[in-house]
Structure formats: C-alpha cells, structure tokens
Amino acid sequence: MNFVKEFWEFLRVRKKYWLLPIIIILALFGGLIVLTQGSAIAPFIYTIF
C-alpha cells in the first residue's frame, strides 16, 4: 500500500495526472492475463495482444 501512496503523491506534486489512466489500463490487462491463465478463455485473451 505504501507504493500506491507514494505514486499518488508523485502524480499530485508533479501534475502528471495523464499517467493514471495508463497505469490503470496496464494493471487491468495484467490482472486479466493472470486470472485467465490456464483457463479455456486464455487462448482468446492472448490473441488480443
């Protein structure tokens, strides 16, 4: 949780709010790949990339 606080402070202080959507999308795609690994949906997820 400390990393999230530090990252939020970095965004707030340096006014880099445009990084937030990029990080959220990358985290969602990463979570999707991890959660579908080994399932029947996995071949369809990997075709996206």
PDB file of N, CA and C in Angstrom:
ATOM      1  N   MET A   1       0.818  -1.194   0.000  1.00  0.00           N
ATOM      2  CA  MET A   1       0.000   0.000   0.000  1.00  0.00           C
ATOM      3  C   MET A   1       0.864   1.261   0.000  1.00  0.00           C
ATOM      4  N   ASN A   2       2.059   1.157   0.520  1.00  0.00           N
ATOM      5  CA  ASN A   2       2.961   2.303   0.574  1.00  0.00           C
ATOM      6  C   ASN A   2       3.316   2.785  -0.834  1.00  0.00           C
ATOM      7  N   PHE A   3       3.484   1.838  -1.765  1.00  0.00           N
ATOM      8  CA  PHE A   3       3.809   2.199  -3.136  1.00  0.00           C
ATOM      9  C   PHE A   3       2.695   3.038  -3.763  1.00  0.00           C
ATOM     10  N   VAL A   4       1.454   2.663  -3.500  1.00  0.00           N
ATOM     11  CA  VAL A   4       0.314   3.397  -4.059  1.00  0.00           C
ATOM     12  C   VAL A   4       0.284   4.820  -3.516  1.00  0.00           C
ATOM     13  N   LYS A   5       0.550   4.977  -2.215  1.00  0.00           N
ATOM     14  CA  LYS A   5       0.581   6.318  -1.624  1.00  0.00           C
ATOM     15  C   LYS A   5       1.695   7.166  -2.237  1.00  0.00           C
ATOM     16  N   GLU A   6       2.865   6.581  -2.382  1.00  0.00           N
ATOM     17  CA  GLU A   6       3.987   7.311  -2.964  1.00  0.00           C
ATOM     18  C   GLU A   6       3.710   7.684  -4.418  1.00  0.00           C
ATOM     19  N   PHE A   7       3.106   6.760  -5.159  1.00  0.00           N
ATOM     20  CA  PHE A   7       2.794   7.043  -6.557  1.00  0.00           C
ATOM     21  C   PHE A   7       1.769   8.170  -6.665  1.00  0.00           C
ATOM     22  N   TRP A   8       0.763   8.145  -5.796  1.00  0.00           N
ATOM     23  CA  TRP A   8      -0.250   9.205  -5.814  1.00  0.00           C
ATOM     24  C   TRP A   8       0.388  10.559  -5.482  1.00  0.00           C
ATOM     25  N   GLU A   9       1.296  10.588  -4.506  1.00  0.00           N
ATOM     26  CA  GLU A   9       1.998  11.825  -4.167  1.00  0.00           C
ATOM     27  C   GLU A   9       2.825  12.328  -5.351  1.00  0.00           C
ATOM     28  N   PHE A  10       3.488  11.402  -6.044  1.00  0.00           N
ATOM     29  CA  PHE A  10       4.269  11.770  -7.224  1.00  0.00           C
ATOM     30  C   PHE A  10       3.375  12.417  -8.277  1.00  0.00           C
ATOM     31  N   LEU A  11       2.215  11.803  -8.539  1.00  0.00           N
ATOM     32  CA  LEU A  11       1.294  12.346  -9.539  1.00  0.00           C
ATOM     33  C   LEU A  11       0.777  13.729  -9.128  1.00  0.00           C
ATOM     34  N   ARG A  12       0.466  13.865  -7.851  1.00  0.00           N
ATOM     35  CA  ARG A  12      -0.095  15.124  -7.368  1.00  0.00           C
ATOM     36  C   ARG A  12       0.934  16.245  -7.386  1.00  0.00           C
ATOM     37  N   VAL A  13       2.138  15.969  -6.930  1.00  0.00           N
ATOM     38  CA  VAL A  13       3.163  17.009  -6.837  1.00  0.00           C
ATOM     39  C   VAL A  13       3.643  17.439  -8.221  1.00  0.00           C
ATOM     40  N   ARG A  14       3.871  16.472  -9.092  1.00  0.00           N
ATOM     41  CA  ARG A  14       4.427  16.793 -10.413  1.00  0.00           C
ATOM     42  C   ARG A  14       3.375  17.032 -11.484  1.00  0.00           C
ATOM     43  N   LYS A  15       2.099  16.973 -11.108  1.00  0.00           N
ATOM     44  CA  LYS A  15       0.976  17.221 -12.026  1.00  0.00           C
ATOM     45  C   LYS A  15       1.016  16.299 -13.250  1.00  0.00           C
ATOM     46  N   LYS A  16       1.274  15.026 -13.002  1.00  0.00           N
ATOM     47  CA  LYS A  16       1.337  14.027 -14.076  1.00  0.00           C
ATOM     48  C   LYS A  16       0.078  13.165 -14.060  1.00  0.00           C
ATOM     49  N   TYR A  17      -1.076  13.793 -14.034  1.00  0.00           N
ATOM     50  CA  TYR A  17      -2.338  13.054 -13.940  1.00  0.00           C
ATOM     51  C   TYR A  17      -2.607  12.202 -15.177  1.00  0.00           C
ATOM     52  N   TRP A  18      -1.988  12.516 -16.302  1.00  0.00           N
ATOM     53  CA  TRP A  18      -2.204  11.757 -17.519  1.00  0.00           C
ATOM     54  C   TRP A  18      -1.632  10.350 -17.402  1.00  0.00           C
ATOM     55  N   LEU A  19      -0.744  10.102 -16.452  1.00  0.00           N
ATOM     56  CA  LEU A  19      -0.189   8.754 -16.255  1.00  0.00           C
ATOM     57  C   LEU A  19      -1.191   7.802 -15.600  1.00  0.00           C
ATOM     58  N   LEU A  20      -2.128   8.331 -14.863  1.00  0.00           N
ATOM     59  CA  LEU A  20      -3.067   7.497 -14.113  1.00  0.00           C
ATOM     60  C   LEU A  20      -3.887   6.566 -15.002  1.00  0.00           C
ATOM     61  N   PRO A  21      -4.509   7.005 -16.095  1.00  0.00           N
ATOM     62  CA  PRO A  21      -5.259   6.065 -16.935  1.00  0.00           C
ATOM     63  C   PRO A  21      -4.386   4.983 -17.557  1.00  0.00           C
ATOM     64  N   ILE A  22      -3.155   5.330 -17.905  1.00  0.00           N
ATOM     65  CA  ILE A  22      -2.245   4.348 -18.493  1.00  0.00           C
ATOM     66  C   ILE A  22      -1.935   3.256 -17.478  1.00  0.00           C
ATOM     67  N   ILE A  23      -1.640   3.638 -16.245  1.00  0.00           N
ATOM     68  CA  ILE A  23      -1.320   2.670 -15.198  1.00  0.00           C
ATOM     69  C   ILE A  23      -2.534   1.791 -14.894  1.00  0.00           C
ATOM     70  N   ILE A  24      -3.712   2.375 -14.862  1.00  0.00           N
ATOM     71  CA  ILE A  24      -4.928   1.598 -14.569  1.00  0.00           C
ATOM     72  C   ILE A  24      -5.187   0.566 -15.659  1.00  0.00           C
ATOM     73  N   ILE A  25      -5.061   0.953 -16.920  1.00  0.00           N
ATOM     74  CA  ILE A  25      -5.284   0.022 -18.030  1.00  0.00           C
ATOM     75  C   ILE A  25      -4.251  -1.100 -18.006  1.00  0.00           C
ATOM     76  N   LEU A  26      -2.996  -0.764 -17.761  1.00  0.00           N
ATOM     77  CA  LEU A  26      -1.962  -1.798 -17.685  1.00  0.00           C
ATOM     78  C   LEU A  26      -2.230  -2.767 -16.541  1.00  0.00           C
ATOM     79  N   ALA A  27      -2.671  -2.260 -15.406  1.00  0.00           N
ATOM     80  CA  ALA A  27      -2.978  -3.127 -14.266  1.00  0.00           C
ATOM     81  C   ALA A  27      -4.175  -4.033 -14.569  1.00  0.00           C
ATOM     82  N   LEU A  28      -5.193  -3.504 -15.244  1.00  0.00           N
ATOM     83  CA  LEU A  28      -6.356  -4.317 -15.608  1.00  0.00           C
ATOM     84  C   LEU A  28      -5.979  -5.431 -16.579  1.00  0.00           C
ATOM     85  N   PHE A  29      -5.191  -5.100 -17.603  1.00  0.00           N
ATOM     86  CA  PHE A  29      -4.760  -6.131 -18.547  1.00  0.00           C
ATOM     87  C   PHE A  29      -3.878  -7.171 -17.869  1.00  0.00           C
ATOM     88  N   GLY A  30      -2.996  -6.730 -16.996  1.00  0.00           N
ATOM     89  CA  GLY A  30      -2.146  -7.676 -16.260  1.00  0.00           C
ATOM     90  C   GLY A  30      -2.965  -8.599 -15.382  1.00  0.00           C
ATOM     91  N   GLY A  31      -3.935  -8.038 -14.682  1.00  0.00           N
ATOM     92  CA  GLY A  31      -4.814  -8.865 -13.850  1.00  0.00           C
ATOM     93  C   GLY A  31      -5.643  -9.826 -14.675  1.00  0.00           C
ATOM     94  N   LEU A  32      -6.099  -9.395 -15.838  1.00  0.00           N
ATOM     95  CA  LEU A  32      -6.868 -10.263 -16.723  1.00  0.00           C
ATOM     96  C   LEU A  32      -6.036 -11.445 -17.201  1.00  0.00           C
ATOM     97  N   ILE A  33      -4.800 -11.191 -17.557  1.00  0.00           N
ATOM     98  CA  ILE A  33      -3.928 -12.270 -18.010  1.00  0.00           C
ATOM     99  C   ILE A  33      -3.643 -13.245 -16.878  1.00  0.00           C
ATOM    100  N   VAL A  34      -3.372 -12.738 -15.693  1.00  0.00           N
ATOM    101  CA  VAL A  34      -3.072 -13.615 -14.552  1.00  0.00           C
ATOM    102  C   VAL A  34      -4.291 -14.454 -14.171  1.00  0.00           C
ATOM    103  N   LEU A  35      -5.468 -13.844 -14.165  1.00  0.00           N
ATOM    104  CA  LEU A  35      -6.662 -14.571 -13.747  1.00  0.00           C
ATOM    105  C   LEU A  35      -7.135 -15.601 -14.761  1.00  0.00           C
ATOM    106  N   THR A  36      -6.877 -15.380 -16.045  1.00  0.00           N
ATOM    107  CA  THR A  36      -7.347 -16.324 -17.057  1.00  0.00           C
ATOM    108  C   THR A  36      -6.292 -17.344 -17.454  1.00  0.00           C
ATOM    109  N   GLN A  37      -5.122 -17.265 -16.865  1.00  0.00           N
ATOM    110  CA  GLN A  37      -4.048 -18.201 -17.202  1.00  0.00           C
ATOM    111  C   GLN A  37      -4.476 -19.621 -16.819  1.00  0.00           C
ATOM    112  N   GLY A  38      -4.384 -20.529 -17.767  1.00  0.00           N
ATOM    113  CA  GLY A  38      -4.746 -21.913 -17.511  1.00  0.00           C
ATOM    114  C   GLY A  38      -6.220 -22.207 -17.690  1.00  0.00           C
ATOM    115  N   SER A  39      -7.002 -21.242 -18.121  1.00  0.00           N
ATOM    116  CA  SER A  39      -8.426 -21.484 -18.317  1.00  0.00           C
ATOM    117  C   SER A  39      -8.725 -21.634 -19.806  1.00  0.00           C
ATOM    118  N   ALA A  40      -9.959 -21.939 -20.119  1.00  0.00           N
ATOM    119  CA  ALA A  40     -10.367 -22.104 -21.514  1.00  0.00           C
ATOM    120  C   ALA A  40     -10.415 -20.779 -22.262  1.00  0.00           C
ATOM    121  N   ILE A  41     -10.452 -19.690 -21.533  1.00  0.00           N
ATOM    122  CA  ILE A  41     -10.530 -18.357 -22.152  1.00  0.00           C
ATOM    123  C   ILE A  41      -9.144 -17.852 -22.559  1.00  0.00           C
ATOM    124  N   ALA A  42      -8.094 -18.428 -22.009  1.00  0.00           N
ATOM    125  CA  ALA A  42      -6.733 -17.940 -22.218  1.00  0.00           C
ATOM    126  C   ALA A  42      -6.355 -17.772 -23.688  1.00  0.00           C
ATOM    127  N   PRO A  43      -6.636 -18.724 -24.592  1.00  0.00           N
ATOM    128  CA  PRO A  43      -6.240 -18.501 -25.995  1.00  0.00           C
ATOM    129  C   PRO A  43      -6.893 -17.267 -26.618  1.00  0.00           C
ATOM    130  N   PHE A  44      -8.095 -16.925 -26.187  1.00  0.00           N
ATOM    131  CA  PHE A  44      -8.765 -15.750 -26.736  1.00  0.00           C
ATOM    132  C   PHE A  44      -8.178 -14.461 -26.183  1.00  0.00           C
ATOM    133  N   ILE A  45      -7.755 -14.488 -24.928  1.00  0.00           N
ATOM    134  CA  ILE A  45      -7.138 -13.306 -24.314  1.00  0.00           C
ATOM    135  C   ILE A  45      -5.797 -13.012 -24.982  1.00  0.00           C
ATOM    136  N   TYR A  46      -5.010 -14.051 -25.261  1.00  0.00           N
ATOM    137  CA  TYR A  46      -3.687 -13.837 -25.833  1.00  0.00           C
ATOM    138  C   TYR A  46      -3.756 -13.349 -27.280  1.00  0.00           C
ATOM    139  N   THR A  47      -4.875 -13.586 -27.966  1.00  0.00           N
ATOM    140  CA  THR A  47      -4.997 -13.066 -29.335  1.00  0.00           C
ATOM    141  C   THR A  47      -5.181 -11.548 -29.341  1.00  0.00           C
ATOM    142  N   ILE A  48      -5.598 -10.970 -28.227  1.00  0.00           N
ATOM    143  CA  ILE A  48      -5.733  -9.516 -28.142  1.00  0.00           C
ATOM    144  C   ILE A  48      -4.368  -8.852 -28.279  1.00  0.00           C
ATOM    145  N   PHE A  49      -3.364  -9.501 -27.721  1.00  0.00           N
ATOM    146  CA  PHE A  49      -2.012  -8.929 -27.737  1.00  0.00           C
ATOM    147  C   PHE A  49      -1.233  -9.455 -28.909  1.00  0.00           C
TER     148      PHE A  49
END
